């Protein structure tokens, strides 16, 4: 037991020594439907989120993210496209929530700008406004794993304050492309 505790203590201390810094930040912007074929007449909506980055060194970081976005679409149009019959609401709002872990590779650019590119794994919950489970009567959620892909451009504007543009997509097993998000980001490094 002592050997296990000694090993865990040593491992945690080693990780803490190798890390250069942490970031915590918020972002906002716009968000598109996660599937352009299914979400008929889909329109962009607002998005927000928070992130926590752990920087291993000057080239690599691990980012944990929470993301929330909304978009509008036509459920009746989606049912017509899939089943050939138009039924349901003509206009609805979908709410999308995701948590993810993304491994980032950082590249230095001119004038202290930096671009971060990465991918990882995540999980999302999606709810259509007004949709309920026909058995329980509770809110009905669609859920699945996702592979987020991110490209972020940022720059430190003053000591420990970083601004930038956060962009990316959420890929899921059944969708080719979707969930594009783009917007400003501000974070604090400590």
N, C-alpha and C. Protein backbone atom coordinates (compact mmCIF):
# COMPACT_ATOMS: atom_id res chain seq x y z
N UNK A 1 0.81 -1.19 0.00
CA UNK A 1 0.00 0.00 0.00
C UNK A 1 0.86 1.26 0.00
N UNK A 2 1.95 1.23 0.79
CA UNK A 2 2.84 2.38 0.84
C UNK A 2 3.49 2.63 -0.52
N UNK A 3 3.83 1.56 -1.22
CA UNK A 3 4.45 1.70 -2.54
C UNK A 3 3.48 2.35 -3.53
N UNK A 4 2.22 1.98 -3.47
CA UNK A 4 1.22 2.55 -4.37
C UNK A 4 1.05 4.04 -4.08
N UNK A 5 0.94 4.41 -2.79
CA UNK A 5 0.80 5.82 -2.43
C UNK A 5 2.03 6.62 -2.83
N UNK A 6 3.21 6.04 -2.64
CA UNK A 6 4.45 6.72 -3.04
C UNK A 6 4.49 6.92 -4.55
N UNK A 7 4.09 5.91 -5.31
CA UNK A 7 4.07 6.01 -6.77
C UNK A 7 3.07 7.08 -7.23
N UNK A 8 1.85 7.09 -6.64
CA UNK A 8 0.85 8.09 -7.02
C UNK A 8 1.32 9.51 -6.67
N UNK A 9 1.94 9.68 -5.51
CA UNK A 9 2.45 10.99 -5.12
C UNK A 9 3.53 11.45 -6.09
N UNK A 10 4.44 10.56 -6.43
CA UNK A 10 5.51 10.89 -7.37
C UNK A 10 4.93 11.25 -8.74
N UNK A 11 3.95 10.49 -9.19
CA UNK A 11 3.33 10.74 -10.50
C UNK A 11 2.65 12.11 -10.54
N UNK A 12 1.89 12.43 -9.50
CA UNK A 12 1.21 13.73 -9.46
C UNK A 12 2.20 14.88 -9.39
N UNK A 13 3.27 14.73 -8.64
CA UNK A 13 4.29 15.78 -8.56
C UNK A 13 4.99 15.95 -9.91
N UNK A 14 5.24 14.86 -10.61
CA UNK A 14 5.90 14.93 -11.92
C UNK A 14 5.03 15.66 -12.93
N UNK A 15 3.75 15.38 -12.89
CA UNK A 15 2.83 16.06 -13.81
C UNK A 15 2.79 17.55 -13.50
N UNK A 16 2.73 17.91 -12.22
CA UNK A 16 2.67 19.31 -11.83
C UNK A 16 3.92 20.06 -12.23
N UNK A 17 5.09 19.42 -12.17
CA UNK A 17 6.34 20.09 -12.52
C UNK A 17 6.44 20.30 -14.02
N UNK A 18 5.95 19.36 -14.83
CA UNK A 18 6.10 19.47 -16.28
C UNK A 18 5.12 20.49 -16.88
N UNK A 19 4.03 20.77 -16.19
CA UNK A 19 3.05 21.72 -16.73
C UNK A 19 3.57 23.14 -16.60
N UNK A 20 3.42 23.91 -17.66
CA UNK A 20 3.88 25.29 -17.61
C UNK A 20 2.80 26.21 -17.08
N UNK A 21 1.56 25.99 -17.48
CA UNK A 21 0.49 26.86 -17.04
C UNK A 21 -0.88 26.28 -17.38
N UNK A 22 -1.90 26.95 -16.84
CA UNK A 22 -3.30 26.59 -17.07
C UNK A 22 -4.00 27.81 -17.64
N UNK A 23 -5.05 27.58 -18.41
CA UNK A 23 -5.93 28.65 -18.90
C UNK A 23 -7.35 28.31 -18.48
N UNK A 24 -8.10 29.33 -18.16
CA UNK A 24 -9.54 29.17 -18.00
C UNK A 24 -10.18 30.28 -18.84
N UNK A 25 -11.18 29.93 -19.62
CA UNK A 25 -11.72 30.93 -20.53
C UNK A 25 -13.18 30.73 -20.85
N UNK A 26 -13.75 31.76 -21.49
CA UNK A 26 -15.14 31.71 -21.96
C UNK A 26 -15.16 32.10 -23.44
N UNK A 27 -16.16 31.62 -24.13
CA UNK A 27 -16.31 31.97 -25.55
C UNK A 27 -17.78 32.04 -25.91
N UNK A 28 -18.06 32.71 -26.98
CA UNK A 28 -19.42 32.85 -27.49
C UNK A 28 -19.36 32.90 -29.01
N UNK A 29 -20.51 33.08 -29.63
CA UNK A 29 -20.52 33.18 -31.08
C UNK A 29 -21.76 32.60 -31.69
N UNK A 30 -21.60 32.01 -32.87
CA UNK A 30 -22.71 31.42 -33.61
C UNK A 30 -22.50 29.92 -33.76
N UNK A 31 -23.61 29.20 -34.00
CA UNK A 31 -23.60 27.74 -34.08
C UNK A 31 -24.57 27.31 -35.17
N UNK A 32 -24.15 26.38 -36.01
CA UNK A 32 -25.01 25.87 -37.09
C UNK A 32 -25.60 24.52 -36.70
N UNK A 33 -26.63 24.05 -37.40
CA UNK A 33 -27.17 22.71 -37.13
C UNK A 33 -26.09 21.64 -37.24
N UNK A 34 -26.25 20.56 -36.47
CA UNK A 34 -25.23 19.52 -36.48
C UNK A 34 -25.35 18.57 -37.67
N UNK A 35 -26.41 18.68 -38.45
CA UNK A 35 -26.57 17.88 -39.66
C UNK A 35 -27.38 18.70 -40.65
N UNK A 36 -26.77 19.10 -41.74
CA UNK A 36 -27.46 19.97 -42.70
C UNK A 36 -28.53 19.24 -43.50
N UNK A 37 -28.43 17.93 -43.67
CA UNK A 37 -29.42 17.19 -44.44
C UNK A 37 -30.70 17.00 -43.62
N UNK A 38 -30.56 16.61 -42.37
CA UNK A 38 -31.72 16.29 -41.53
C UNK A 38 -32.45 17.54 -41.05
N UNK A 39 -31.72 18.55 -40.64
CA UNK A 39 -32.34 19.76 -40.09
C UNK A 39 -32.73 20.70 -41.22
N UNK A 40 -33.88 20.44 -41.80
CA UNK A 40 -34.40 21.20 -42.94
C UNK A 40 -34.63 22.65 -42.52
N UNK A 41 -34.26 23.57 -43.40
CA UNK A 41 -34.38 25.00 -43.14
C UNK A 41 -33.66 25.42 -41.86
N UNK A 42 -32.58 24.74 -41.54
CA UNK A 42 -31.81 25.05 -40.34
C UNK A 42 -31.16 26.41 -40.43
N UNK A 43 -31.17 27.13 -39.33
CA UNK A 43 -30.56 28.45 -39.27
C UNK A 43 -29.61 28.55 -38.08
N UNK A 44 -28.64 29.43 -38.20
CA UNK A 44 -27.66 29.62 -37.14
C UNK A 44 -28.31 30.19 -35.89
N UNK A 45 -27.67 29.88 -34.77
CA UNK A 45 -28.13 30.42 -33.49
C UNK A 45 -26.94 30.76 -32.62
N UNK A 46 -27.19 31.24 -31.41
CA UNK A 46 -26.10 31.64 -30.52
C UNK A 46 -25.43 30.44 -29.84
N UNK A 47 -24.19 30.65 -29.41
CA UNK A 47 -23.49 29.62 -28.66
C UNK A 47 -22.63 30.26 -27.57
N UNK A 48 -22.39 29.51 -26.52
CA UNK A 48 -21.53 29.94 -25.42
C UNK A 48 -20.77 28.72 -24.91
N UNK A 49 -19.76 28.97 -24.11
CA UNK A 49 -19.04 27.85 -23.54
C UNK A 49 -17.92 28.29 -22.61
N UNK A 50 -17.39 27.32 -21.89
CA UNK A 50 -16.24 27.53 -21.02
C UNK A 50 -15.21 26.47 -21.34
N UNK A 51 -13.94 26.80 -21.05
CA UNK A 51 -12.87 25.84 -21.31
C UNK A 51 -11.85 25.91 -20.19
N UNK A 52 -11.12 24.83 -20.03
CA UNK A 52 -9.99 24.77 -19.11
C UNK A 52 -8.87 24.06 -19.86
N UNK A 53 -7.75 24.76 -20.07
CA UNK A 53 -6.61 24.19 -20.79
C UNK A 53 -5.47 23.89 -19.85
N UNK A 54 -4.88 22.73 -20.02
CA UNK A 54 -3.68 22.33 -19.30
C UNK A 54 -2.55 22.26 -20.33
N UNK A 55 -1.55 23.10 -20.20
CA UNK A 55 -0.45 23.17 -21.16
C UNK A 55 0.70 22.29 -20.69
N UNK A 56 0.99 21.25 -21.47
CA UNK A 56 2.10 20.36 -21.14
C UNK A 56 3.44 21.04 -21.36
N UNK A 57 3.55 21.74 -22.50
CA UNK A 57 4.77 22.45 -22.87
C UNK A 57 4.40 23.51 -23.90
N UNK A 58 5.37 24.03 -24.62
CA UNK A 58 5.10 25.10 -25.60
C UNK A 58 4.37 24.60 -26.85
N UNK A 59 4.27 23.28 -27.04
CA UNK A 59 3.66 22.76 -28.26
C UNK A 59 2.38 21.97 -28.06
N UNK A 60 2.10 21.53 -26.83
CA UNK A 60 0.94 20.64 -26.62
C UNK A 60 0.12 21.08 -25.42
N UNK A 61 -1.21 20.89 -25.55
CA UNK A 61 -2.14 21.21 -24.46
C UNK A 61 -3.32 20.26 -24.52
N UNK A 62 -3.95 20.09 -23.37
CA UNK A 62 -5.19 19.32 -23.27
C UNK A 62 -6.28 20.28 -22.83
N UNK A 63 -7.38 20.33 -23.57
CA UNK A 63 -8.46 21.26 -23.30
C UNK A 63 -9.72 20.49 -22.92
N UNK A 64 -10.32 20.86 -21.79
CA UNK A 64 -11.63 20.31 -21.43
C UNK A 64 -12.64 21.43 -21.64
N UNK A 65 -13.76 21.10 -22.28
CA UNK A 65 -14.72 22.11 -22.74
C UNK A 65 -16.15 21.75 -22.39
N UNK A 66 -16.94 22.78 -22.10
CA UNK A 66 -18.38 22.66 -22.06
C UNK A 66 -18.92 23.63 -23.10
N UNK A 67 -19.85 23.17 -23.94
CA UNK A 67 -20.36 23.98 -25.04
C UNK A 67 -21.89 23.90 -25.03
N UNK A 68 -22.54 25.05 -25.25
CA UNK A 68 -23.99 25.11 -25.39
C UNK A 68 -24.33 25.95 -26.62
N UNK A 69 -25.20 25.44 -27.46
CA UNK A 69 -25.62 26.18 -28.65
C UNK A 69 -27.07 25.90 -28.99
N UNK A 70 -27.68 26.81 -29.73
CA UNK A 70 -29.06 26.67 -30.20
C UNK A 70 -29.10 26.93 -31.70
N UNK A 71 -30.07 26.30 -32.36
CA UNK A 71 -30.35 26.62 -33.76
C UNK A 71 -31.81 26.31 -34.04
N UNK A 72 -32.37 26.90 -35.11
CA UNK A 72 -33.76 26.68 -35.50
C UNK A 72 -33.83 25.81 -36.75
N UNK A 73 -34.93 25.07 -36.89
CA UNK A 73 -35.12 24.22 -38.06
C UNK A 73 -36.60 23.87 -38.18
N UNK A 74 -36.96 23.09 -39.20
CA UNK A 74 -38.34 22.68 -39.44
C UNK A 74 -38.49 21.17 -39.20
N UNK A 75 -39.05 20.75 -38.03
CA UNK A 75 -39.27 19.31 -37.80
C UNK A 75 -40.19 18.68 -38.84
N UNK A 76 -41.21 19.43 -39.29
CA UNK A 76 -42.13 18.89 -40.30
C UNK A 76 -41.38 18.62 -41.60
N UNK A 77 -40.49 19.51 -41.97
CA UNK A 77 -39.68 19.31 -43.17
C UNK A 77 -38.74 18.13 -43.03
N UNK A 78 -38.19 17.92 -41.83
CA UNK A 78 -37.32 16.78 -41.59
C UNK A 78 -38.09 15.47 -41.72
N UNK A 79 -39.29 15.41 -41.15
CA UNK A 79 -40.11 14.19 -41.25
C UNK A 79 -40.52 13.92 -42.70
N UNK A 80 -40.81 14.97 -43.45
CA UNK A 80 -41.16 14.80 -44.86
C UNK A 80 -39.96 14.24 -45.64
N UNK A 81 -38.79 14.71 -45.35
CA UNK A 81 -37.59 14.24 -46.04
C UNK A 81 -37.30 12.77 -45.71
N UNK A 82 -37.55 12.36 -44.47
CA UNK A 82 -37.24 10.99 -44.06
C UNK A 82 -38.37 10.03 -44.37
N UNK A 83 -39.63 10.38 -43.98
CA UNK A 83 -40.76 9.46 -44.08
C UNK A 83 -41.68 9.73 -45.26
N UNK A 84 -41.49 10.86 -45.94
CA UNK A 84 -42.35 11.19 -47.06
C UNK A 84 -43.66 11.84 -46.65
N UNK A 85 -43.87 12.05 -45.35
CA UNK A 85 -45.08 12.69 -44.86
C UNK A 85 -44.70 13.88 -44.00
N UNK A 86 -45.41 14.97 -44.21
CA UNK A 86 -45.12 16.19 -43.46
C UNK A 86 -46.02 16.26 -42.24
N UNK A 87 -45.44 16.07 -41.05
CA UNK A 87 -46.21 16.24 -39.82
C UNK A 87 -45.27 16.77 -38.74
N UNK A 88 -45.87 17.36 -37.72
CA UNK A 88 -45.07 17.97 -36.66
C UNK A 88 -45.06 19.48 -36.80
N UNK A 89 -44.26 20.11 -36.01
CA UNK A 89 -44.17 21.57 -35.98
C UNK A 89 -43.43 22.10 -37.21
N UNK A 90 -43.86 23.26 -37.65
CA UNK A 90 -43.19 23.89 -38.80
C UNK A 90 -41.89 24.56 -38.40
N UNK A 91 -41.78 25.02 -37.18
CA UNK A 91 -40.57 25.71 -36.73
C UNK A 91 -40.29 25.30 -35.29
N UNK A 92 -39.05 24.92 -35.01
CA UNK A 92 -38.66 24.53 -33.66
C UNK A 92 -37.22 24.94 -33.41
N UNK A 93 -36.86 24.92 -32.15
CA UNK A 93 -35.50 25.26 -31.76
C UNK A 93 -34.86 24.02 -31.15
N UNK A 94 -33.63 23.74 -31.55
CA UNK A 94 -32.88 22.63 -30.97
C UNK A 94 -31.82 23.21 -30.04
N UNK A 95 -31.68 22.58 -28.88
CA UNK A 95 -30.68 22.98 -27.90
C UNK A 95 -29.62 21.89 -27.85
N UNK A 96 -28.36 22.28 -27.94
CA UNK A 96 -27.24 21.35 -28.04
C UNK A 96 -26.27 21.62 -26.89
N UNK A 97 -25.92 20.59 -26.12
CA UNK A 97 -24.95 20.69 -25.03
C UNK A 97 -23.90 19.61 -25.23
N UNK A 98 -22.64 19.97 -25.08
CA UNK A 98 -21.56 18.99 -25.26
C UNK A 98 -20.45 19.22 -24.25
N UNK A 99 -19.85 18.13 -23.82
CA UNK A 99 -18.61 18.17 -23.05
C UNK A 99 -17.57 17.42 -23.87
N UNK A 100 -16.34 17.92 -23.84
CA UNK A 100 -15.31 17.27 -24.67
C UNK A 100 -13.93 17.47 -24.08
N UNK A 101 -13.02 16.60 -24.50
CA UNK A 101 -11.61 16.69 -24.19
C UNK A 101 -10.87 16.70 -25.52
N UNK A 102 -10.08 17.75 -25.74
CA UNK A 102 -9.41 17.94 -27.02
C UNK A 102 -7.90 18.07 -26.79
N UNK A 103 -7.12 17.29 -27.52
CA UNK A 103 -5.67 17.41 -27.49
C UNK A 103 -5.25 18.41 -28.56
N UNK A 104 -4.56 19.48 -28.15
CA UNK A 104 -4.21 20.57 -29.06
C UNK A 104 -2.72 20.59 -29.37
N UNK A 105 -2.40 20.88 -30.61
CA UNK A 105 -1.01 21.15 -31.05
C UNK A 105 -0.94 22.64 -31.34
N UNK A 106 0.05 23.31 -30.73
CA UNK A 106 0.16 24.77 -30.84
C UNK A 106 1.26 25.14 -31.83
N UNK A 107 0.98 26.14 -32.66
CA UNK A 107 1.94 26.64 -33.64
C UNK A 107 2.10 28.14 -33.46
N UNK A 108 3.34 28.60 -33.37
CA UNK A 108 3.63 30.04 -33.23
C UNK A 108 3.54 30.70 -34.60
N UNK A 109 2.95 31.91 -34.62
CA UNK A 109 2.86 32.71 -35.83
C UNK A 109 3.60 34.04 -35.59
N UNK A 110 3.60 34.90 -36.56
CA UNK A 110 4.24 36.21 -36.42
C UNK A 110 3.49 37.10 -35.44
N UNK A 111 4.19 38.09 -34.89
CA UNK A 111 3.62 39.10 -33.99
C UNK A 111 2.93 38.49 -32.76
N UNK A 112 3.49 37.43 -32.21
CA UNK A 112 3.01 36.76 -30.99
C UNK A 112 1.64 36.09 -31.14
N UNK A 113 1.17 35.89 -32.35
CA UNK A 113 -0.06 35.15 -32.57
C UNK A 113 0.25 33.66 -32.49
N UNK A 114 -0.76 32.88 -32.15
CA UNK A 114 -0.61 31.44 -32.04
C UNK A 114 -1.85 30.77 -32.57
N UNK A 115 -1.68 29.66 -33.27
CA UNK A 115 -2.82 28.88 -33.75
C UNK A 115 -2.76 27.51 -33.07
N UNK A 116 -3.92 27.06 -32.58
CA UNK A 116 -4.03 25.76 -31.92
C UNK A 116 -4.96 24.89 -32.74
N UNK A 117 -4.52 23.69 -33.06
CA UNK A 117 -5.29 22.75 -33.87
C UNK A 117 -5.39 21.44 -33.10
N UNK A 118 -6.60 20.87 -33.03
CA UNK A 118 -6.70 19.63 -32.29
C UNK A 118 -8.00 18.90 -32.49
N UNK A 119 -8.03 17.69 -31.95
CA UNK A 119 -9.21 16.85 -31.97
C UNK A 119 -9.26 16.04 -30.69
N UNK A 120 -10.40 15.43 -30.45
CA UNK A 120 -10.53 14.63 -29.23
C UNK A 120 -11.82 13.85 -29.23
N UNK A 121 -12.38 13.70 -28.04
CA UNK A 121 -13.62 12.94 -27.89
C UNK A 121 -14.57 13.74 -27.00
N UNK A 122 -15.87 13.58 -27.26
CA UNK A 122 -16.86 14.29 -26.47
C UNK A 122 -18.18 13.54 -26.46
N UNK A 123 -19.13 14.11 -25.75
CA UNK A 123 -20.46 13.54 -25.62
C UNK A 123 -21.46 14.68 -25.68
N UNK A 124 -22.56 14.50 -26.42
CA UNK A 124 -23.53 15.59 -26.53
C UNK A 124 -24.94 15.13 -26.20
N UNK A 125 -25.74 16.10 -25.75
CA UNK A 125 -27.18 15.95 -25.55
C UNK A 125 -27.86 17.00 -26.39
N UNK A 126 -28.90 16.60 -27.10
CA UNK A 126 -29.64 17.53 -27.95
C UNK A 126 -31.12 17.38 -27.64
N UNK A 127 -31.81 18.51 -27.54
CA UNK A 127 -33.24 18.50 -27.24
C UNK A 127 -33.96 19.44 -28.20
N UNK A 128 -35.07 18.95 -28.78
CA UNK A 128 -35.92 19.79 -29.61
C UNK A 128 -36.96 20.42 -28.70
N UNK A 129 -37.16 21.69 -28.82
CA UNK A 129 -38.15 22.41 -28.02
C UNK A 129 -39.52 21.77 -28.20
N UNK A 130 -40.17 21.43 -27.09
CA UNK A 130 -41.51 20.85 -27.14
C UNK A 130 -41.56 19.34 -27.34
N UNK A 131 -40.45 18.68 -27.59
CA UNK A 131 -40.45 17.23 -27.79
C UNK A 131 -40.41 16.50 -26.45
N UNK A 132 -41.30 15.51 -26.30
CA UNK A 132 -41.32 14.70 -25.09
C UNK A 132 -41.32 13.23 -25.47
N UNK A 133 -40.84 12.40 -24.57
CA UNK A 133 -40.85 10.95 -24.77
C UNK A 133 -42.29 10.46 -24.70
N UNK A 134 -42.71 9.68 -25.69
CA UNK A 134 -44.11 9.26 -25.75
C UNK A 134 -44.48 8.27 -24.64
N UNK A 135 -43.51 7.62 -24.00
CA UNK A 135 -43.82 6.70 -22.90
C UNK A 135 -43.83 7.40 -21.55
N UNK A 136 -42.81 8.18 -21.26
CA UNK A 136 -42.69 8.79 -19.93
C UNK A 136 -43.27 10.20 -19.85
N UNK A 137 -43.40 10.90 -20.97
CA UNK A 137 -43.87 12.27 -20.95
C UNK A 137 -42.80 13.28 -20.55
N UNK A 138 -41.58 12.80 -20.30
CA UNK A 138 -40.46 13.68 -19.95
C UNK A 138 -39.80 14.22 -21.22
N UNK A 139 -38.94 15.24 -21.05
CA UNK A 139 -38.19 15.78 -22.19
C UNK A 139 -37.45 14.65 -22.89
N UNK A 140 -37.45 14.70 -24.22
CA UNK A 140 -36.78 13.68 -25.01
C UNK A 140 -35.44 14.23 -25.50
N UNK A 141 -34.37 13.49 -25.24
CA UNK A 141 -33.03 13.92 -25.63
C UNK A 141 -32.43 12.93 -26.62
N UNK A 142 -31.73 13.47 -27.58
CA UNK A 142 -30.88 12.65 -28.44
C UNK A 142 -29.48 12.77 -27.84
N UNK A 143 -28.73 11.71 -27.82
CA UNK A 143 -27.40 11.72 -27.23
C UNK A 143 -26.48 10.82 -28.03
N UNK A 144 -25.23 11.19 -28.07
CA UNK A 144 -24.26 10.38 -28.81
C UNK A 144 -22.85 10.89 -28.51
N UNK A 145 -21.88 10.09 -28.89
CA UNK A 145 -20.50 10.52 -28.81
C UNK A 145 -20.21 11.44 -30.00
N UNK A 146 -19.22 12.28 -29.84
CA UNK A 146 -18.83 13.19 -30.90
C UNK A 146 -17.32 13.33 -30.94
N UNK A 147 -16.83 13.68 -32.11
CA UNK A 147 -15.40 13.95 -32.26
C UNK A 147 -15.27 15.43 -32.61
N UNK A 148 -14.95 16.27 -31.62
CA UNK A 148 -14.77 17.69 -31.92
C UNK A 148 -13.44 17.94 -32.61
N UNK A 149 -13.46 18.85 -33.55
CA UNK A 149 -12.23 19.31 -34.21
C UNK A 149 -12.19 20.82 -34.00
N UNK A 150 -11.07 21.32 -33.48
CA UNK A 150 -10.96 22.75 -33.16
C UNK A 150 -9.78 23.39 -33.86
N UNK A 151 -9.98 24.64 -34.24
CA UNK A 151 -8.90 25.51 -34.74
C UNK A 151 -9.10 26.85 -34.05
N UNK A 152 -8.13 27.24 -33.24
CA UNK A 152 -8.23 28.48 -32.46
C UNK A 152 -7.05 29.38 -32.79
N UNK A 153 -7.32 30.65 -32.94
CA UNK A 153 -6.30 31.66 -33.17
C UNK A 153 -6.33 32.61 -31.98
N UNK A 154 -5.17 32.83 -31.31
CA UNK A 154 -5.17 33.68 -30.14
C UNK A 154 -3.86 34.42 -29.96
N UNK A 155 -3.92 35.40 -29.06
CA UNK A 155 -2.75 36.24 -28.77
C UNK A 155 -2.88 36.77 -27.35
N UNK A 156 -1.76 36.83 -26.65
CA UNK A 156 -1.73 37.40 -25.30
C UNK A 156 -1.69 38.92 -25.43
N UNK A 157 -2.72 39.62 -24.90
CA UNK A 157 -2.78 41.08 -25.05
C UNK A 157 -2.17 41.80 -23.87
N UNK A 158 -2.15 41.19 -22.72
CA UNK A 158 -1.46 41.72 -21.55
C UNK A 158 -1.06 40.53 -20.69
N UNK A 159 -0.37 40.78 -19.63
CA UNK A 159 0.12 39.67 -18.81
C UNK A 159 -1.04 38.79 -18.37
N UNK A 160 -1.02 37.55 -18.82
CA UNK A 160 -1.97 36.49 -18.47
C UNK A 160 -3.37 36.63 -19.08
N UNK A 161 -3.64 37.62 -19.92
CA UNK A 161 -4.94 37.76 -20.57
C UNK A 161 -4.78 37.47 -22.06
N UNK A 162 -5.58 36.53 -22.55
CA UNK A 162 -5.46 36.07 -23.94
C UNK A 162 -6.82 36.26 -24.63
N UNK A 163 -6.79 36.81 -25.83
CA UNK A 163 -8.00 36.93 -26.64
C UNK A 163 -7.79 36.13 -27.92
N UNK A 164 -8.89 35.77 -28.55
CA UNK A 164 -8.75 35.02 -29.78
C UNK A 164 -10.09 34.71 -30.42
N UNK A 165 -10.01 33.84 -31.42
CA UNK A 165 -11.18 33.35 -32.14
C UNK A 165 -11.19 31.85 -32.01
N UNK A 166 -12.30 31.30 -31.54
CA UNK A 166 -12.46 29.86 -31.37
C UNK A 166 -13.39 29.34 -32.46
N UNK A 167 -12.98 28.30 -33.15
CA UNK A 167 -13.83 27.71 -34.19
C UNK A 167 -13.69 26.20 -34.14
N UNK A 168 -14.65 25.53 -34.73
CA UNK A 168 -14.59 24.08 -34.77
C UNK A 168 -15.88 23.46 -35.25
N UNK A 169 -15.87 22.14 -35.30
CA UNK A 169 -17.04 21.37 -35.70
C UNK A 169 -17.20 20.19 -34.75
N UNK A 170 -18.41 19.65 -34.68
CA UNK A 170 -18.69 18.43 -33.93
C UNK A 170 -19.06 17.34 -34.92
N UNK A 171 -18.24 16.33 -35.07
CA UNK A 171 -18.53 15.21 -35.94
C UNK A 171 -19.09 14.07 -35.10
N UNK A 172 -20.16 13.44 -35.58
CA UNK A 172 -20.74 12.30 -34.87
C UNK A 172 -20.72 11.09 -35.79
N UNK A 173 -20.96 9.89 -35.24
CA UNK A 173 -20.88 8.68 -36.07
C UNK A 173 -21.83 8.67 -37.27
N UNK A 174 -22.97 9.38 -37.18
CA UNK A 174 -23.96 9.30 -38.25
C UNK A 174 -24.02 10.54 -39.13
N UNK A 175 -23.26 11.58 -38.80
CA UNK A 175 -23.27 12.81 -39.59
C UNK A 175 -21.90 13.01 -40.21
N UNK A 176 -21.89 13.49 -41.43
CA UNK A 176 -20.63 13.73 -42.10
C UNK A 176 -19.98 15.00 -41.58
N UNK A 177 -20.75 16.07 -41.45
CA UNK A 177 -20.21 17.36 -41.03
C UNK A 177 -21.32 18.15 -40.37
N UNK A 178 -21.00 18.91 -39.36
CA UNK A 178 -22.01 19.76 -38.76
C UNK A 178 -21.55 20.34 -37.45
N UNK A 179 -22.41 21.16 -36.88
CA UNK A 179 -22.12 21.78 -35.61
C UNK A 179 -20.98 22.77 -35.67
N UNK A 180 -20.88 23.50 -36.77
CA UNK A 180 -19.83 24.51 -36.90
C UNK A 180 -20.09 25.63 -35.91
N UNK A 181 -19.06 26.00 -35.16
CA UNK A 181 -19.18 27.13 -34.25
C UNK A 181 -17.99 28.06 -34.46
N UNK A 182 -18.24 29.35 -34.29
CA UNK A 182 -17.23 30.39 -34.53
C UNK A 182 -17.56 31.59 -33.67
N UNK A 183 -16.53 32.11 -32.98
CA UNK A 183 -16.78 33.30 -32.18
C UNK A 183 -15.57 33.71 -31.36
N UNK A 184 -15.68 34.85 -30.68
CA UNK A 184 -14.57 35.37 -29.88
C UNK A 184 -14.39 34.57 -28.58
N UNK A 185 -13.18 34.65 -28.06
CA UNK A 185 -12.83 33.93 -26.84
C UNK A 185 -11.90 34.80 -26.00
N UNK A 186 -12.06 34.75 -24.70
CA UNK A 186 -11.12 35.42 -23.79
C UNK A 186 -10.77 34.43 -22.68
N UNK A 187 -9.51 34.40 -22.31
CA UNK A 187 -9.09 33.48 -21.27
C UNK A 187 -8.01 34.10 -20.39
N UNK A 188 -7.86 33.53 -19.22
CA UNK A 188 -6.87 34.00 -18.26
C UNK A 188 -5.90 32.86 -17.96
N UNK A 189 -4.63 33.15 -18.01
CA UNK A 189 -3.58 32.15 -17.79
C UNK A 189 -3.03 32.31 -16.38
N UNK A 190 -2.92 31.20 -15.65
CA UNK A 190 -2.31 31.24 -14.33
C UNK A 190 -1.38 30.07 -14.12
